[in-house]
Protein backbone atom coordinates (compact mmCIF):
# COMPACT_ATOMS: atom_id res chain seq x y z
CA MET A 1 87.59 145.90 136.69
CA ARG A 2 88.06 147.05 140.26
CA LEU A 3 87.41 144.31 142.82
CA SER A 4 86.41 144.97 146.44
CA ILE A 5 86.98 142.10 148.86
CA ILE A 6 85.03 142.44 152.09
CA LEU A 7 86.27 140.41 155.06
CA PRO A 8 83.94 140.43 158.11
CA CYS A 9 85.80 139.73 161.36
CA PHE A 10 84.69 138.93 164.89
CA ASN A 11 86.69 136.94 167.46
CA GLU A 12 88.86 135.46 164.71
CA ILE A 13 92.16 134.92 166.55
CA ARG A 14 91.03 131.70 168.23
CA HIS A 15 90.45 130.05 164.85
CA GLY A 16 94.01 130.49 163.62
CA TYR A 17 92.97 131.29 160.03
CA LEU A 18 93.15 135.07 159.99
CA GLU A 19 96.87 135.38 159.28
CA ASN A 20 96.68 132.95 156.36
CA ILE A 21 93.70 134.83 154.94
CA LEU A 22 95.40 138.21 155.16
CA GLU A 23 98.65 136.94 153.69
CA ASN A 24 96.69 135.47 150.80
CA LEU A 25 94.80 138.72 150.24
CA ALA A 26 97.89 140.91 150.47
CA ALA A 27 99.53 138.82 147.72
CA GLN A 28 96.60 139.04 145.29
CA GLU A 29 97.38 140.62 141.93
CA GLY A 30 95.57 143.40 140.10
CA GLU A 31 93.33 146.28 141.08
CA ILE A 32 91.92 145.12 144.41
CA GLU A 33 90.81 146.82 147.61
CA ILE A 34 90.44 144.81 150.81
CA ILE A 35 87.94 146.01 153.39
CA ALA A 36 88.37 144.24 156.73
CA VAL A 37 85.33 145.01 158.89
CA VAL A 38 85.76 144.25 162.57
CA SER A 39 83.15 144.31 165.33
CA GLU A 40 84.14 144.67 168.99
CA SER A 41 85.79 141.36 169.82
CA ASP A 42 86.90 139.61 172.99
CA ASP A 43 90.35 138.90 171.58
CA GLU A 44 93.07 140.72 169.61
CA THR A 45 91.33 140.55 166.24
CA GLU A 46 91.32 144.31 165.67
CA ALA A 47 94.95 144.76 166.71
CA PHE A 48 95.98 141.95 164.39
CA LEU A 49 94.08 143.48 161.47
CA LEU A 50 95.68 146.87 162.05
CA LYS A 51 99.10 145.33 161.36
CA TYR A 52 97.96 144.94 157.75
CA ALA A 53 96.61 148.48 157.45
CA ALA A 54 100.07 149.52 156.20
CA TYR A 55 99.33 147.75 152.93
CA PRO A 56 97.88 150.35 150.53
CA GLN A 57 95.07 148.04 149.40
CA VAL A 58 93.92 147.18 152.95
CA GLN A 59 91.41 149.26 154.88
CA VAL A 60 90.27 148.33 158.40
CA VAL A 61 86.75 149.47 159.27
CA ARG A 62 85.49 149.40 162.86
CA SER A 63 81.84 148.43 163.05
CA LEU A 64 79.02 148.36 165.58
CA ALA A 65 77.47 145.47 163.65
CA LEU A 66 75.84 142.71 165.67
CA ASN A 67 76.07 139.97 163.04
CA ARG A 68 78.02 139.02 159.92
CA ALA A 69 75.42 140.39 157.51
CA GLN A 70 75.69 143.84 159.08
CA ARG A 71 79.48 143.69 158.93
CA LEU A 72 79.35 142.84 155.23
CA ASN A 73 76.95 145.71 154.57
CA ASP A 74 79.21 148.11 156.46
CA GLY A 75 82.02 146.94 154.21
CA LEU A 76 79.90 147.53 151.14
CA ILE A 77 79.40 151.14 152.18
CA ALA A 78 83.15 151.62 152.49
CA SER A 79 84.02 149.84 149.23
CA THR A 80 84.29 151.26 145.71
CA GLY A 81 84.71 148.29 143.35
CA GLU A 82 82.35 147.48 140.49
CA VAL A 83 82.49 143.86 141.69
CA VAL A 84 82.30 142.79 145.34
CA LEU A 85 83.59 139.54 146.84
CA LEU A 86 82.04 138.52 150.16
CA HIS A 87 84.90 136.75 151.93
CA HIS A 88 84.15 134.11 154.54
CA PRO A 89 86.43 134.53 157.61
CA ALA A 90 87.34 130.83 157.67
CA THR A 91 88.05 130.36 153.96
CA ILE A 92 91.20 130.94 151.91
CA LEU A 93 90.99 132.09 148.29
CA PRO A 94 93.08 130.73 145.42
CA GLU A 95 96.50 132.33 145.28
CA LYS A 96 97.23 135.57 143.44
CA LYS A 97 94.85 135.38 140.47
CA VAL A 98 91.42 135.85 142.05
CA ARG A 99 90.71 139.09 140.20
CA SER A 100 91.59 137.66 136.79
CA LEU A 101 89.52 134.52 137.47
CA ILE A 102 86.50 136.62 138.37
CA GLU A 103 86.99 138.96 135.42
CA GLN A 104 87.13 135.99 133.05
CA ALA A 105 83.98 134.46 134.59
CA LEU A 106 82.01 137.69 134.34
CA SER A 107 83.17 138.36 130.77
CA SER A 108 80.96 135.46 129.65
CA GLY A 109 77.89 137.46 130.67
CA ALA A 110 77.44 136.27 134.26
CA SER A 111 76.48 138.76 136.98
CA TRP A 112 77.61 136.78 139.98
CA GLY A 113 79.23 133.54 140.97
CA ALA A 114 81.45 131.62 143.37
CA PHE A 115 84.44 129.30 143.70
CA HIS A 116 84.54 125.54 144.05
CA HIS A 117 84.45 124.57 147.71
CA SER A 118 86.76 122.23 149.63
CA PHE A 119 87.69 121.59 153.27
CA ASP A 120 91.12 121.57 154.88
CA PHE A 121 90.50 118.12 156.42
CA SER A 122 90.08 114.79 154.66
CA HIS A 123 86.95 112.81 155.54
CA TRP A 124 84.47 111.12 153.23
CA LEU A 125 81.52 113.10 154.59
CA LEU A 126 83.34 116.41 154.13
CA HIS A 127 84.30 115.43 150.58
CA PHE A 128 80.65 114.60 149.91
CA THR A 129 79.53 117.88 151.51
CA SER A 130 81.78 119.89 149.21
CA TRP A 131 80.73 117.84 146.16
CA TYR A 132 77.06 118.38 146.96
CA SER A 133 77.61 122.06 147.62
CA ASN A 134 79.37 122.53 144.27
CA GLN A 135 77.43 120.27 141.96
CA VAL A 136 73.92 120.42 143.42
CA ARG A 137 73.49 123.43 145.67
CA VAL A 138 75.31 125.94 143.44
CA LYS A 139 74.99 124.52 139.92
CA ARG A 140 71.43 123.20 140.13
CA LYS A 141 69.77 125.24 142.88
CA GLY A 142 71.74 128.49 142.60
CA ILE A 143 72.35 128.63 146.38
CA VAL A 144 75.80 129.93 147.29
CA TYR A 145 76.98 129.79 150.89
CA PHE A 146 79.50 132.39 152.03
CA ASP A 147 82.24 129.78 152.38
CA HIS A 148 82.27 129.71 148.55
CA CYS A 149 83.29 133.40 148.68
CA PRO A 150 80.61 134.69 146.29
CA PHE A 151 81.41 137.61 143.98
CA ILE A 152 78.67 139.89 142.67
CA LYS A 153 78.44 142.90 140.43
CA ARG A 154 77.72 145.86 142.67
CA GLN A 155 74.79 147.03 140.56
CA LEU A 156 73.04 143.67 141.01
CA LEU A 157 73.86 143.47 144.72
CA GLU A 158 72.37 146.90 145.32
CA LYS A 159 69.31 145.96 143.28
CA VAL A 160 68.50 143.11 145.69
CA GLY A 161 69.07 145.27 148.78
CA ASN A 162 72.59 144.06 149.66
CA VAL A 163 73.05 141.31 152.26
CA PRO A 164 69.84 140.45 154.17
CA ASP A 165 70.12 141.41 157.84
CA LEU A 166 69.73 137.93 159.30
CA ASP A 167 71.78 136.12 161.94
CA ILE A 168 71.88 132.91 159.89
CA PHE A 169 70.94 131.75 156.37
CA GLU A 170 71.53 135.27 155.09
CA ASP A 171 73.55 133.72 152.26
CA THR A 172 70.61 131.49 151.29
CA VAL A 173 68.18 134.40 151.19
CA LEU A 174 70.68 136.51 149.25
CA SER A 175 71.14 133.71 146.71
CA ASP A 176 67.38 133.38 146.23
CA ARG A 177 67.11 137.11 145.56
CA LEU A 178 70.05 137.12 143.14
CA CYS A 179 68.66 134.11 141.27
CA GLU A 180 65.57 136.13 140.41
CA PHE A 181 67.85 138.04 138.03
CA ALA A 182 70.61 135.58 137.11
CA LYS A 183 72.05 132.17 137.95
CA PRO A 184 75.54 131.97 139.48
CA VAL A 185 78.62 130.81 137.60
CA LEU A 186 80.99 128.40 139.38
CA ILE A 187 84.68 129.13 138.80
CA ASN A 188 86.90 126.09 138.30
CA ALA A 189 89.26 127.08 141.12
CA GLN A 190 89.06 125.96 144.74
CA VAL A 191 88.70 127.84 147.97
CA ILE A 192 89.67 126.02 151.17
CA THR A 193 87.43 126.26 154.24
CA SER A 194 88.37 125.34 157.79
CA ALA A 195 86.63 122.19 159.04
CA ARG A 196 87.19 123.27 162.63
CA ARG A 197 83.54 123.21 163.67
CA PHE A 198 83.10 119.70 162.31
CA ARG A 199 86.22 118.55 164.13
CA GLN A 200 85.39 120.33 167.38
CA ARG A 201 81.79 119.14 167.58
CA GLY A 202 82.22 115.82 165.81
CA ILE A 203 81.82 115.48 162.05
CA TYR A 204 78.60 113.45 162.10
CA ARG A 205 77.05 115.45 164.93
CA HIS A 206 77.76 118.78 163.24
CA ALA A 207 76.49 117.51 159.89
CA LEU A 208 73.23 116.45 161.53
CA LEU A 209 72.95 119.85 163.22
CA ASN A 210 73.36 121.57 159.86
CA GLN A 211 70.59 119.47 158.30
CA TRP A 212 68.31 120.10 161.29
CA LEU A 213 68.84 123.84 160.98
CA LYS A 214 68.05 123.76 157.26
CA LEU A 215 64.78 121.96 158.02
CA CYS A 216 63.92 124.57 160.65
CA TYR A 217 64.74 127.35 158.18
CA HIS A 218 62.28 125.92 155.65
CA LEU A 219 59.72 125.71 158.45
CA HIS A 220 60.24 129.47 158.96
CA ILE A 221 61.64 129.21 162.48
CA ASP A 222 63.06 132.54 163.73
CA PRO A 223 66.67 132.89 162.43
CA LYS A 224 67.77 134.40 165.75
CA LEU A 225 66.73 131.22 167.54
CA LEU A 226 68.37 129.03 164.89
CA ASN A 227 71.62 130.93 165.17
CA ARG A 228 71.66 130.48 168.94
CA LEU A 229 71.29 126.75 168.37
CA TYR A 230 74.09 126.84 165.82
CA GLU A 231 76.50 128.91 167.87
CA LYS A 232 75.59 127.34 171.22
CA ARG A 233 76.11 130.77 172.83
CA TYR A 234 79.80 130.86 171.83
CA SER A 235 79.49 134.10 169.82
CA ILE A 236 80.86 132.78 166.53
CA ASN A 237 79.22 135.27 164.16
CA THR A 238 76.98 137.12 166.59
CA LYS A 239 77.74 138.48 170.05
CA TYR A 240 75.56 136.94 172.74
CA LYS A 241 75.35 137.76 176.40
CA LYS A 242 76.10 134.87 178.68
CA PHE A 243 73.05 133.38 180.35
């Protein structure tokens, strides 16, 4: 099984996670290609990525994409693996054996899945958030957020039209489409996601914002407006002009 890992990047230097992610990816075992897709950033993200282009399994793709979904789809075009992993740019995968873990999970007949989620900061609400995300959102509802680093057979991903071109909740819509064909499998191995936004904005405040945005999504509020509320014009996933 050839695995393509697609890493969408935009203004990543400020977060301090990119080096850890790339070191983790470069050390992964087995037949893997890593497609790092970078949009025009306001920092040194592209220059930093190019340092890793010397690795034979790493390819850096420049993109005109305006949001994360478009970057992921640009990476899909450049990739060749039978299975694709959509890598969140603030999440670190388990060490070394990602390909073998995915191959084992898919050998049971699954078409797509994800990893157990955890945060890099200890707080009861963050522990609960990860528990809920693993045990309820993924296992019961079949909704996989990108910070679980979902992996999908290419044939199935193409069948549902690849990643929906939305500024926010693209992972929710993608999960709904995939679930029409198969439920996800949850691998018993953890990914670690940065809790930086919770810590920067306040854990309770950011958790309330997330719940408010979910409510607005179900009320069919324009995703572009919701993403502006989420990013507060700081261009986290999408580049906004300053007002």
